[in-house]
Amino acid sequence: MRIVSPQTRGMTRIERVTHDPDWYEPYKISLGIRADNLIFISGQAGIDEAGRTVGGDDVEAQARRAFHNLATVLEAAGSSLADVVRVTIMVTDMPRTLDVIIKLREEFFTEPYPADTLFQVAALAKPDWLIEIDAVALTRR
């Protein structure tokens, strides 16, 4: 984990989690924030390291990349998908996406599966994004 501008708020040490390249840097968004033993990961979409959407209109390709990005940021923070305790998944087309999400939850997470909220939104930050996943995880330290 590269610590950028660590701060203390009350008794909690706050550290920014980043990656090289940091695909959210141009938007002034932290990929994640570590607060003591918790890691809060910003919503990860199906984009590559340069911020380009992968998979076009392929829901599974975008979802796989979003899970991959989530794992990458967690690793940069000293954590992993196995340490995730909560996820929020936003999709733009629930009927088209639900079965894919269920399949990928089983592939990327293990029991006990994290607490999860899944909902459909009218749109995400970019018009070609079909999915975005954020998470809260525990640190291994």
C-alpha atoms as a PDB file:
ATOM      1  CA  MET A   1       0.000   0.000   0.000  1.00  0.00           C
ATOM      2  CA  ARG A   2       1.274   3.423  -0.836  1.00  0.00           C
ATOM      3  CA  ILE A   3       0.260   5.797   1.929  1.00  0.00           C
ATOM      4  CA  VAL A   4      -0.653   9.227   0.699  1.00  0.00           C
ATOM      5  CA  SER A   5      -1.186  12.034   3.199  1.00  0.00           C
ATOM      6  CA  PRO A   6      -1.908   9.965   6.292  1.00  0.00           C
ATOM      7  CA  GLN A   7      -4.078  11.840   8.754  1.00  0.00           C
ATOM      8  CA  THR A   8      -5.410  11.220  12.209  1.00  0.00           C
ATOM      9  CA  ARG A   9      -9.042  11.996  12.895  1.00  0.00           C
ATOM     10  CA  GLY A  10      -9.695  11.590  16.570  1.00  0.00           C
ATOM     11  CA  MET A  11      -8.063   8.269  17.415  1.00  0.00           C
ATOM     12  CA  THR A  12      -8.403   6.878  13.867  1.00  0.00           C
ATOM     13  CA  ARG A  13      -5.521   6.895  11.384  1.00  0.00           C
ATOM     14  CA  ILE A  14      -6.792   7.545   7.855  1.00  0.00           C
ATOM     15  CA  GLU A  15      -4.665   6.474   4.862  1.00  0.00           C
ATOM     16  CA  ARG A  16      -5.376   6.677   1.174  1.00  0.00           C
ATOM     17  CA  VAL A  17      -4.998   3.406  -0.767  1.00  0.00           C
ATOM     18  CA  THR A  18      -3.657   3.834  -4.267  1.00  0.00           C
ATOM     19  CA  HIS A  19      -2.264   1.766  -7.094  1.00  0.00           C
ATOM     20  CA  ASP A  20       0.098   2.508  -9.972  1.00  0.00           C
ATOM     21  CA  PRO A  21      -1.593   3.472 -12.175  1.00  0.00           C
ATOM     22  CA  ASP A  22      -4.421   4.945 -10.106  1.00  0.00           C
ATOM     23  CA  TRP A  23      -7.358   4.945 -12.527  1.00  0.00           C
ATOM     24  CA  TYR A  24      -9.458   7.272 -10.303  1.00  0.00           C
ATOM     25  CA  GLU A  25      -6.779   9.918  -9.676  1.00  0.00           C
ATOM     26  CA  PRO A  26      -8.016  12.193 -12.513  1.00  0.00           C
ATOM     27  CA  TYR A  27     -11.447  12.305 -10.832  1.00  0.00           C
ATOM     28  CA  LYS A  28     -10.089  13.204  -7.368  1.00  0.00           C
ATOM     29  CA  ILE A  29     -11.408   9.918  -5.927  1.00  0.00           C
ATOM     30  CA  SER A  30      -9.404   7.618  -3.669  1.00  0.00           C
ATOM     31  CA  LEU A  31      -9.382   4.003  -4.820  1.00  0.00           C
ATOM     32  CA  GLY A  32      -9.770   3.194  -1.160  1.00  0.00           C
ATOM     33  CA  ILE A  33      -9.360   4.500   2.353  1.00  0.00           C
ATOM     34  CA  ARG A  34      -7.877   2.544   5.234  1.00  0.00           C
ATOM     35  CA  ALA A  35      -9.251   3.589   8.620  1.00  0.00           C
ATOM     36  CA  ASP A  36      -7.535   1.559  11.332  1.00  0.00           C
ATOM     37  CA  ASN A  37      -8.471  -2.072  10.594  1.00  0.00           C
ATOM     38  CA  LEU A  38     -11.160  -1.313   7.992  1.00  0.00           C
ATOM     39  CA  ILE A  39     -10.730  -0.687   4.287  1.00  0.00           C
ATOM     40  CA  PHE A  40     -13.377   1.181   2.312  1.00  0.00           C
ATOM     41  CA  ILE A  41     -13.059   0.584  -1.438  1.00  0.00           C
ATOM     42  CA  SER A  42     -14.589   3.047  -3.888  1.00  0.00           C
ATOM     43  CA  GLY A  43     -16.972   1.683  -6.476  1.00  0.00           C
ATOM     44  CA  GLN A  44     -15.032  -0.331  -9.051  1.00  0.00           C
ATOM     45  CA  ALA A  45     -16.329  -0.513 -12.598  1.00  0.00           C
ATOM     46  CA  GLY A  46     -15.363  -2.675 -15.550  1.00  0.00           C
ATOM     47  CA  ILE A  47     -12.487  -0.441 -16.621  1.00  0.00           C
ATOM     48  CA  ASP A  48      -8.822  -1.047 -17.334  1.00  0.00           C
ATOM     49  CA  GLU A  49      -5.882   0.775 -15.729  1.00  0.00           C
ATOM     50  CA  ALA A  50      -6.224   3.628 -18.229  1.00  0.00           C
ATOM     51  CA  GLY A  51      -9.892   4.125 -17.348  1.00  0.00           C
ATOM     52  CA  ARG A  52     -11.250   2.572 -20.571  1.00  0.00           C
ATOM     53  CA  THR A  53     -14.388   0.451 -20.293  1.00  0.00           C
ATOM     54  CA  VAL A  54     -13.741  -3.212 -21.088  1.00  0.00           C
ATOM     55  CA  GLY A  55     -16.149  -5.654 -22.672  1.00  0.00           C
ATOM     56  CA  GLY A  56     -18.421  -3.175 -24.401  1.00  0.00           C
ATOM     57  CA  ASP A  57     -22.000  -4.328 -23.821  1.00  0.00           C
ATOM     58  CA  ASP A  58     -20.888  -7.667 -22.283  1.00  0.00           C
ATOM     59  CA  VAL A  59     -22.190  -7.649 -18.694  1.00  0.00           C
ATOM     60  CA  GLU A  60     -20.032 -10.586 -17.590  1.00  0.00           C
ATOM     61  CA  ALA A  61     -16.842  -9.067 -19.020  1.00  0.00           C
ATOM     62  CA  GLN A  62     -17.479  -5.775 -17.226  1.00  0.00           C
ATOM     63  CA  ALA A  63     -18.456  -7.544 -13.998  1.00  0.00           C
ATOM     64  CA  ARG A  64     -15.334  -9.739 -14.056  1.00  0.00           C
ATOM     65  CA  ARG A  65     -13.163  -6.665 -14.540  1.00  0.00           C
ATOM     66  CA  ALA A  66     -14.946  -4.843 -11.712  1.00  0.00           C
ATOM     67  CA  PHE A  67     -14.250  -7.812  -9.388  1.00  0.00           C
ATOM     68  CA  HIS A  68     -10.645  -7.896 -10.645  1.00  0.00           C
ATOM     69  CA  ASN A  69     -10.260  -4.170  -9.893  1.00  0.00           C
ATOM     70  CA  LEU A  70     -11.769  -4.691  -6.448  1.00  0.00           C
ATOM     71  CA  ALA A  71      -9.230  -7.454  -5.743  1.00  0.00           C
ATOM     72  CA  THR A  72      -6.373  -5.268  -7.019  1.00  0.00           C
ATOM     73  CA  VAL A  73      -7.250  -2.368  -4.717  1.00  0.00           C
ATOM     74  CA  LEU A  74      -7.745  -4.706  -1.756  1.00  0.00           C
ATOM     75  CA  GLU A  75      -4.299  -6.217  -2.348  1.00  0.00           C
ATOM     76  CA  ALA A  76      -2.786  -2.726  -2.524  1.00  0.00           C
ATOM     77  CA  ALA A  77      -4.345  -2.117   0.894  1.00  0.00           C
ATOM     78  CA  GLY A  78      -2.959  -5.319   2.403  1.00  0.00           C
ATOM     79  CA  SER A  79      -6.230  -7.212   2.194  1.00  0.00           C
ATOM     80  CA  SER A  80      -8.066  -9.565  -0.170  1.00  0.00           C
ATOM     81  CA  LEU A  81     -11.491 -10.615  -1.399  1.00  0.00           C
ATOM     82  CA  ALA A  82     -11.522 -13.172   1.450  1.00  0.00           C
ATOM     83  CA  ASP A  83     -11.486 -10.251   3.911  1.00  0.00           C
ATOM     84  CA  VAL A  84     -14.525  -8.474   2.435  1.00  0.00           C
ATOM     85  CA  VAL A  85     -17.398  -8.136   4.899  1.00  0.00           C
ATOM     86  CA  ARG A  86     -19.766  -5.991   2.838  1.00  0.00           C
ATOM     87  CA  VAL A  87     -20.317  -5.189  -0.843  1.00  0.00           C
ATOM     88  CA  THR A  88     -22.682  -2.926  -2.697  1.00  0.00           C
ATOM     89  CA  ILE A  89     -23.319  -3.778  -6.327  1.00  0.00           C
ATOM     90  CA  MET A  90     -25.039  -1.318  -8.646  1.00  0.00           C
ATOM     91  CA  VAL A  91     -26.207  -2.427 -12.077  1.00  0.00           C
ATOM     92  CA  THR A  92     -28.027  -0.694 -14.912  1.00  0.00           C
ATOM     93  CA  ASP A  93     -30.063  -3.736 -16.016  1.00  0.00           C
ATOM     94  CA  MET A  94     -31.079  -6.132 -13.237  1.00  0.00           C
ATOM     95  CA  PRO A  95     -32.821  -8.783 -15.366  1.00  0.00           C
ATOM     96  CA  ARG A  96     -29.776  -9.065 -17.620  1.00  0.00           C
ATOM     97  CA  THR A  97     -27.262  -9.019 -14.765  1.00  0.00           C
ATOM     98  CA  LEU A  98     -28.652 -10.943 -11.788  1.00  0.00           C
ATOM     99  CA  ASP A  99     -27.582 -14.456 -12.847  1.00  0.00           C
ATOM    100  CA  VAL A 100     -24.105 -13.187 -13.759  1.00  0.00           C
ATOM    101  CA  ILE A 101     -23.724 -11.546 -10.342  1.00  0.00           C
ATOM    102  CA  ILE A 102     -24.803 -14.694  -8.515  1.00  0.00           C
ATOM    103  CA  LYS A 103     -22.299 -16.765 -10.518  1.00  0.00           C
ATOM    104  CA  LEU A 104     -19.456 -14.294  -9.897  1.00  0.00           C
ATOM    105  CA  ARG A 105     -20.227 -13.932  -6.176  1.00  0.00           C
ATOM    106  CA  GLU A 106     -19.651 -17.675  -5.862  1.00  0.00           C
ATOM    107  CA  GLU A 107     -16.486 -17.475  -7.973  1.00  0.00           C
ATOM    108  CA  PHE A 108     -14.845 -14.488  -6.260  1.00  0.00           C
ATOM    109  CA  PHE A 109     -16.082 -14.829  -2.662  1.00  0.00           C
ATOM    110  CA  THR A 110     -16.156 -17.760  -0.246  1.00  0.00           C
ATOM    111  CA  GLU A 111     -18.445 -18.677   2.625  1.00  0.00           C
ATOM    112  CA  PRO A 112     -19.450 -16.927   4.667  1.00  0.00           C
ATOM    113  CA  TYR A 113     -20.319 -14.650   1.775  1.00  0.00           C
ATOM    114  CA  PRO A 114     -20.124 -10.925   2.509  1.00  0.00           C
ATOM    115  CA  ALA A 115     -23.217  -8.924   3.364  1.00  0.00           C
ATOM    116  CA  ASP A 116     -24.463  -7.536   0.076  1.00  0.00           C
ATOM    117  CA  THR A 117     -26.782  -4.946  -1.364  1.00  0.00           C
ATOM    118  CA  LEU A 118     -27.626  -5.235  -5.058  1.00  0.00           C
ATOM    119  CA  PHE A 119     -29.745  -2.658  -6.821  1.00  0.00           C
ATOM    120  CA  GLN A 120     -30.510  -1.219 -10.227  1.00  0.00           C
ATOM    121  CA  VAL A 121     -29.679   2.389 -11.035  1.00  0.00           C
ATOM    122  CA  ALA A 122     -30.711   4.567 -13.953  1.00  0.00           C
ATOM    123  CA  ALA A 123     -27.077   5.269 -14.846  1.00  0.00           C
ATOM    124  CA  LEU A 124     -23.517   5.073 -13.550  1.00  0.00           C
ATOM    125  CA  ALA A 125     -20.712   7.635 -13.875  1.00  0.00           C
ATOM    126  CA  LYS A 126     -19.999   6.743 -17.511  1.00  0.00           C
ATOM    127  CA  PRO A 127     -22.777   5.903 -19.987  1.00  0.00           C
ATOM    128  CA  ASP A 128     -21.163   2.600 -21.040  1.00  0.00           C
ATOM    129  CA  TRP A 129     -20.687   1.283 -17.485  1.00  0.00           C
ATOM    130  CA  LEU A 130     -23.057  -1.587 -16.667  1.00  0.00           C
ATOM    131  CA  ILE A 131     -21.876  -2.368 -13.129  1.00  0.00           C
ATOM    132  CA  GLU A 132     -20.045  -0.834 -10.187  1.00  0.00           C
ATOM    133  CA  ILE A 133     -18.989  -2.616  -6.981  1.00  0.00           C
ATOM    134  CA  ASP A 134     -17.807  -1.071  -3.719  1.00  0.00           C
ATOM    135  CA  ALA A 135     -16.726  -2.911  -0.593  1.00  0.00           C
ATOM    136  CA  VAL A 136     -15.709  -2.798   3.030  1.00  0.00           C
ATOM    137  CA  ALA A 137     -13.000  -5.223   4.156  1.00  0.00           C
ATOM    138  CA  LEU A 138     -10.842  -5.995   7.154  1.00  0.00           C
ATOM    139  CA  THR A 139      -7.080  -5.548   7.039  1.00  0.00           C
ATOM    140  CA  ARG A 140      -4.766  -8.479   7.619  1.00  0.00           C
ATOM    141  CA  ARG A 141      -2.544  -6.464   9.924  1.00  0.00           C
END
